[in-house]
Amino acid sequence: METPDGDFFDVDWGPDPGPRAATVVVLHGLEGSSQRKYVRSVCRELLADGVRPVALNFRGCSGEPNRALRYYHSGDSTDVRQLIAVIRERRPGLPVGGMGFSLGGNILLKMLGERSDGGTGLLDAAAVMSVPYDLAAGADLLERSPMGRVYTRYFLRSLRSKLRHKRERLEAVLDVNRVFEASTIREFDDRATAPLNGFHDARHYYEECSSAAFLPRVRTPTLLLHAVDDPFLPAEAIPVATATANTATDLVLVERGGHVGFVAGSPWSPRFWGEQSAARFLSGTLRGAARDA
């Protein structure tokens, strides 16, 4: 899809179960894509429930460099809203939902909570999994935990690879060498993500984009799936009280599950119950929205 600022993002449209089927926009996590197993898994579950999945690839994540200097970030919902508008235009009167994993979930919650109607005029239902509700607390945990440092090395390799495609252009606005020297997600955000997206620094970016601050204003029926042992967010930063107080949000909090790791069964026959639960919630809520329309 071409964007108003001269850039583009890629979208994978799942099979259409029927002319009256609801649609769910699926958002991947940091440095993911529509090809990630968790995205494909929830898309299969949605299709099995008669819902059409539409998986958005954030800018630069579909395997082709995007045109603009900037990429995507944890609070940027511009492209998501454009896609939702296109779906509404193509399927007028039919319910639309959203499913967000990790960074994609943070974007989804912020997008709903920053609207005056709490998102009810945008989506009819939403589900999120393993959201880093407090970006600063999550960055701190990634720096100090062994598993967090493993994730950090993986993400930084991928992020640096994207920057290399635009190095000459980026040198006009960034100290690219300092960006490549970043050893933590916070340093990368401070030196690249923040300046490319109009934030003063990483602290400003985290303050403006952490979804925990927007959660109280969400009015769209929303399922929140999270694990206490998630390496992207310390347990004390999980917004349990806020989610419980909001009648529109339903928090499912389990002790173990890590990051997007809600699996049961055996290694030979795993059951990804997180994706299944999210799909059931979305399909059921969207069916109700269709009856009420």
Protein backbone atom coordinates (compact mmCIF):
# COMPACT_ATOMS: atom_id res chain seq x y z
CA MET A 1 0.00 0.00 0.00
CA GLU A 2 1.27 3.46 -0.94
CA THR A 3 1.27 5.94 1.95
CA PRO A 4 0.52 9.70 1.89
CA ASP A 5 4.17 10.48 2.72
CA GLY A 6 5.49 8.71 -0.39
CA ASP A 7 6.43 5.46 1.33
CA PHE A 8 4.76 2.04 1.33
CA PHE A 9 4.00 -0.97 3.48
CA ASP A 10 3.11 -4.51 2.43
CA VAL A 11 -0.01 -6.44 3.43
CA ASP A 12 -0.84 -10.14 3.18
CA TRP A 13 -4.56 -10.77 2.69
CA GLY A 14 -5.79 -14.14 3.90
CA PRO A 15 -8.44 -16.13 2.01
CA ASP A 16 -11.93 -14.66 2.20
CA PRO A 17 -14.27 -17.08 4.06
CA GLY A 18 -17.33 -15.34 2.63
CA PRO A 19 -18.89 -12.01 1.67
CA ARG A 20 -20.19 -11.38 5.21
CA ALA A 21 -17.06 -12.48 7.07
CA ALA A 22 -15.45 -10.25 9.68
CA THR A 23 -11.83 -9.15 9.21
CA VAL A 24 -8.96 -9.03 11.72
CA VAL A 25 -5.81 -6.98 11.17
CA VAL A 26 -2.79 -8.85 12.57
CA LEU A 27 0.29 -6.90 13.74
CA HIS A 28 3.65 -8.60 14.31
CA GLY A 29 6.32 -7.76 16.88
CA LEU A 30 9.70 -6.03 16.75
CA GLU A 31 11.62 -7.05 13.61
CA GLY A 32 8.97 -9.61 12.76
CA SER A 33 6.82 -9.97 9.65
CA SER A 34 3.68 -11.66 8.40
CA GLN A 35 5.76 -14.82 7.96
CA ARG A 36 6.46 -15.32 11.67
CA LYS A 37 5.07 -18.57 13.03
CA TYR A 38 2.92 -16.82 15.64
CA VAL A 39 1.33 -14.64 12.92
CA ARG A 40 0.65 -17.62 10.66
CA SER A 41 -0.70 -19.57 13.64
CA VAL A 42 -3.29 -16.98 14.65
CA CYS A 43 -4.23 -16.47 10.99
CA ARG A 44 -4.98 -20.20 10.68
CA GLU A 45 -7.10 -20.06 13.84
CA LEU A 46 -9.03 -17.04 12.60
CA LEU A 47 -9.71 -18.68 9.24
CA ALA A 48 -10.97 -21.80 11.02
CA ASP A 49 -13.47 -19.54 12.80
CA GLY A 50 -14.66 -17.97 9.56
CA VAL A 51 -12.74 -14.69 9.99
CA ARG A 52 -10.50 -13.20 7.31
CA PRO A 53 -7.00 -12.37 8.59
CA VAL A 54 -5.08 -9.46 7.10
CA ALA A 55 -1.43 -9.34 8.20
CA LEU A 56 0.34 -5.98 8.02
CA ASN A 57 4.12 -5.83 7.61
CA PHE A 58 5.50 -2.72 9.26
CA ARG A 59 7.65 -0.53 7.05
CA GLY A 60 10.86 -2.29 6.04
CA CYS A 61 9.76 -5.65 7.48
CA SER A 62 8.48 -7.44 4.39
CA GLY A 63 11.92 -8.16 2.91
CA GLU A 64 12.14 -4.97 0.85
CA PRO A 65 13.60 -1.70 2.20
CA ASN A 66 11.04 1.06 2.53
CA ARG A 67 11.65 4.41 0.85
CA ALA A 68 11.47 6.84 3.77
CA LEU A 69 14.35 7.37 6.18
CA ARG A 70 12.18 6.33 9.11
CA TYR A 71 10.89 2.83 9.69
CA TYR A 72 8.30 1.95 12.34
CA HIS A 73 8.20 2.27 16.11
CA SER A 74 6.22 1.14 19.14
CA GLY A 75 3.69 3.96 18.96
CA ASP A 76 3.24 4.54 15.23
CA SER A 77 -0.30 3.57 14.21
CA THR A 78 -0.50 5.66 11.01
CA ASP A 79 -0.23 2.70 8.63
CA VAL A 80 -2.52 0.53 10.75
CA ARG A 81 -5.25 3.16 10.61
CA GLN A 82 -4.81 3.49 6.85
CA LEU A 83 -5.25 -0.26 6.42
CA ILE A 84 -8.34 -0.31 8.65
CA ALA A 85 -9.87 2.51 6.59
CA VAL A 86 -9.29 0.51 3.39
CA ILE A 87 -10.93 -2.57 4.91
CA ARG A 88 -13.91 -0.53 6.09
CA GLU A 89 -14.28 0.92 2.59
CA ARG A 90 -14.07 -2.48 0.89
CA ARG A 91 -16.38 -4.25 3.37
CA PRO A 92 -18.83 -1.59 4.57
CA GLY A 93 -20.89 -2.47 7.60
CA LEU A 94 -18.88 -5.58 8.50
CA PRO A 95 -16.98 -5.96 11.80
CA VAL A 96 -13.23 -5.39 11.97
CA GLY A 97 -10.91 -6.51 14.76
CA GLY A 98 -7.23 -6.24 15.60
CA MET A 99 -4.63 -8.70 16.90
CA GLY A 100 -1.25 -7.44 18.10
CA PHE A 101 1.84 -9.30 19.24
CA SER A 102 4.42 -7.57 21.46
CA LEU A 103 5.31 -4.25 19.76
CA GLY A 104 2.25 -4.69 17.52
CA GLY A 105 0.09 -5.05 20.62
CA ASN A 106 1.55 -1.90 22.12
CA ILE A 107 0.70 -0.01 18.92
CA LEU A 108 -2.82 -1.45 18.93
CA LEU A 109 -3.58 -0.44 22.53
CA LYS A 110 -2.12 3.04 22.10
CA MET A 111 -4.12 3.51 18.91
CA LEU A 112 -7.37 2.64 20.70
CA GLY A 113 -6.68 4.56 23.91
CA GLU A 114 -5.58 7.79 22.26
CA ARG A 115 -8.97 8.20 20.54
CA SER A 116 -11.76 10.13 22.24
CA ASP A 117 -14.12 7.17 21.74
CA GLY A 118 -11.64 4.66 23.18
CA GLY A 119 -11.32 2.96 19.82
CA THR A 120 -14.96 1.92 19.40
CA GLY A 121 -15.20 3.86 16.14
CA LEU A 122 -12.11 2.12 14.79
CA LEU A 123 -12.26 -1.55 15.83
CA ASP A 124 -15.06 -3.77 17.10
CA ALA A 125 -12.73 -6.09 19.05
CA ALA A 126 -9.04 -6.45 19.85
CA ALA A 127 -6.63 -8.96 21.35
CA VAL A 128 -2.99 -8.51 22.31
CA MET A 129 -0.25 -10.87 23.47
CA SER A 130 2.98 -10.18 25.40
CA VAL A 131 2.78 -6.40 25.22
CA PRO A 132 5.70 -4.35 26.64
CA TYR A 133 3.29 -1.98 28.38
CA ASP A 134 6.09 0.10 29.91
CA LEU A 135 8.80 0.55 27.29
CA ALA A 136 11.37 2.00 29.68
CA ALA A 137 10.93 -0.81 32.21
CA GLY A 138 11.12 -3.32 29.38
CA ALA A 139 14.35 -1.81 28.06
CA ASP A 140 15.84 -2.00 31.55
CA LEU A 141 14.95 -5.67 31.89
CA LEU A 142 16.39 -6.51 28.47
CA GLU A 143 19.68 -4.98 29.61
CA ARG A 144 20.00 -6.83 32.91
CA SER A 145 18.56 -10.31 32.28
CA PRO A 146 20.43 -13.11 30.47
CA MET A 147 17.47 -13.91 28.22
CA GLY A 148 16.98 -10.21 27.55
CA ARG A 149 20.55 -9.86 26.36
CA VAL A 150 20.02 -12.79 23.96
CA TYR A 151 16.96 -11.07 22.48
CA THR A 152 18.85 -7.77 22.32
CA ARG A 153 21.70 -9.20 20.26
CA TYR A 154 19.21 -10.70 17.79
CA PHE A 155 17.20 -7.50 17.42
CA LEU A 156 20.24 -5.27 17.04
CA ARG A 157 21.65 -7.44 14.26
CA SER A 158 18.39 -7.12 12.37
CA LEU A 159 18.03 -3.38 13.00
CA ARG A 160 21.60 -2.64 11.92
CA SER A 161 21.03 -4.60 8.73
CA LYS A 162 18.12 -2.31 7.85
CA LEU A 163 20.20 0.78 8.47
CA ARG A 164 22.96 -0.41 6.13
CA HIS A 165 20.56 -0.21 3.19
CA LYS A 166 20.18 3.52 3.78
CA ARG A 167 23.50 4.38 5.36
CA GLU A 168 24.46 7.16 2.95
CA ARG A 169 21.09 8.89 3.29
CA LEU A 170 20.96 8.41 7.06
CA GLU A 171 24.37 10.00 7.56
CA ALA A 172 22.76 13.36 6.82
CA VAL A 173 20.55 13.11 9.91
CA LEU A 174 22.23 10.57 12.24
CA ASP A 175 25.63 9.76 13.65
CA VAL A 176 25.47 6.35 11.99
CA ASN A 177 28.69 5.07 13.54
CA ARG A 178 27.29 5.69 17.04
CA VAL A 179 24.08 3.91 16.04
CA PHE A 180 26.05 0.84 14.91
CA GLU A 181 27.96 0.90 18.22
CA ALA A 182 24.74 0.65 20.26
CA SER A 183 24.85 -2.40 22.50
CA THR A 184 21.37 -2.09 24.03
CA ILE A 185 17.88 -1.42 22.70
CA ARG A 186 17.77 1.81 24.72
CA GLU A 187 20.98 3.05 23.09
CA PHE A 188 19.65 2.19 19.64
CA ASP A 189 16.37 3.98 20.36
CA ASP A 190 18.23 6.99 21.75
CA ARG A 191 20.53 7.27 18.72
CA ALA A 192 18.19 6.18 15.89
CA THR A 193 14.53 5.51 16.67
CA ALA A 194 13.94 8.74 18.61
CA PRO A 195 15.58 11.25 16.22
CA LEU A 196 14.12 9.58 13.12
CA ASN A 197 10.60 9.88 14.54
CA GLY A 198 10.62 13.32 16.16
CA PHE A 199 11.35 12.38 19.76
CA HIS A 200 13.98 14.16 21.88
CA ASP A 201 15.56 10.91 23.06
CA ALA A 202 14.70 7.36 24.12
CA ARG A 203 13.17 8.57 27.39
CA HIS A 204 10.79 10.89 25.53
CA TYR A 205 9.93 8.11 23.06
CA TYR A 206 9.16 5.64 25.85
CA GLU A 207 7.05 8.15 27.78
CA GLU A 208 4.97 9.05 24.73
CA CYS A 209 4.44 5.54 23.39
CA SER A 210 4.07 3.15 26.35
CA SER A 211 0.60 1.64 26.06
CA ALA A 212 0.06 1.40 29.85
CA ALA A 213 -0.77 5.12 29.86
CA PHE A 214 -3.48 4.62 27.22
CA LEU A 215 -5.00 1.42 28.64
CA PRO A 216 -7.51 3.16 30.99
CA ARG A 217 -9.14 4.89 28.00
CA VAL A 218 -9.64 1.78 25.84
CA ARG A 219 -13.36 1.11 25.25
CA THR A 220 -13.14 -1.52 22.52
CA PRO A 221 -13.60 -5.05 23.98
CA THR A 222 -10.01 -6.25 24.32
CA LEU A 223 -8.31 -9.47 25.48
CA LEU A 224 -4.88 -9.07 27.10
CA LEU A 225 -2.70 -12.20 27.22
CA HIS A 226 0.47 -11.96 29.28
CA ALA A 227 2.94 -14.09 31.25
CA VAL A 228 4.57 -13.05 34.53
CA ASP A 229 7.92 -14.42 33.32
CA ASP A 230 7.92 -12.38 30.09
CA PRO A 231 11.57 -11.29 29.55
CA PHE A 232 10.41 -8.06 27.88
CA LEU A 233 8.62 -6.64 30.94
CA PRO A 234 9.25 -6.96 34.69
CA ALA A 235 6.34 -8.39 36.65
CA GLU A 236 5.86 -5.18 38.64
CA ALA A 237 5.28 -3.23 35.40
CA ILE A 238 2.35 -5.38 34.25
CA PRO A 239 -0.69 -3.05 34.52
CA VAL A 240 -2.84 -5.52 36.45
CA ALA A 241 -4.83 -2.94 38.42
CA THR A 242 -5.50 -0.80 35.36
CA ALA A 243 -6.59 -3.72 33.21
CA THR A 244 -8.81 -5.10 35.98
CA ALA A 245 -10.48 -1.75 36.60
CA ASN A 246 -11.33 -1.26 32.93
CA THR A 247 -14.54 -3.12 32.05
CA ALA A 248 -13.55 -3.21 28.37
CA THR A 249 -10.33 -5.16 28.95
CA ASP A 250 -10.02 -8.80 29.99
CA LEU A 251 -6.58 -9.71 31.37
CA VAL A 252 -5.43 -13.34 31.22
CA LEU A 253 -2.24 -13.47 33.27
CA VAL A 254 -0.32 -16.75 33.63
CA GLU A 255 2.87 -17.48 35.54
CA ARG A 256 4.75 -19.09 32.67
CA GLY A 257 4.66 -18.38 28.96
CA GLY A 258 7.65 -16.17 28.33
CA HIS A 259 7.32 -13.91 25.32
CA VAL A 260 4.65 -15.05 22.85
CA GLY A 261 5.10 -18.58 24.20
CA PHE A 262 1.66 -19.79 25.29
CA VAL A 263 2.08 -23.44 24.40
CA ALA A 264 0.58 -26.63 25.81
CA GLY A 265 0.75 -30.29 24.82
CA SER A 266 3.96 -32.11 23.93
CA PRO A 267 6.96 -31.22 21.76
CA TRP A 268 5.60 -33.64 19.18
CA SER A 269 2.09 -32.23 19.29
CA PRO A 270 2.16 -28.65 20.60
CA ARG A 271 -1.01 -26.62 21.10
CA PHE A 272 -0.61 -22.87 20.78
CA TRP A 273 -3.40 -22.00 23.15
CA GLY A 274 -2.62 -18.28 23.22
CA GLU A 275 -3.32 -17.86 19.51
CA GLN A 276 -6.35 -20.14 19.83
CA SER A 277 -7.77 -18.14 22.74
CA ALA A 278 -7.21 -14.85 20.96
CA ALA A 279 -8.90 -16.10 17.80
CA ARG A 280 -11.90 -17.45 19.74
CA PHE A 281 -12.29 -14.15 21.60
CA LEU A 282 -12.08 -12.12 18.41
CA SER A 283 -14.40 -14.28 16.34
CA GLY A 284 -16.99 -14.47 19.12
CA THR A 285 -16.92 -10.74 19.84
CA LEU A 286 -17.05 -9.85 16.14
CA ARG A 287 -20.03 -12.14 15.60
CA GLY A 288 -21.79 -10.27 18.38
CA ALA A 289 -20.87 -6.95 16.78
CA ALA A 290 -22.36 -8.15 13.48
CA ARG A 291 -25.65 -9.07 15.16
CA ASP A 292 -25.82 -5.69 16.89
CA ALA A 293 -25.18 -3.74 13.67
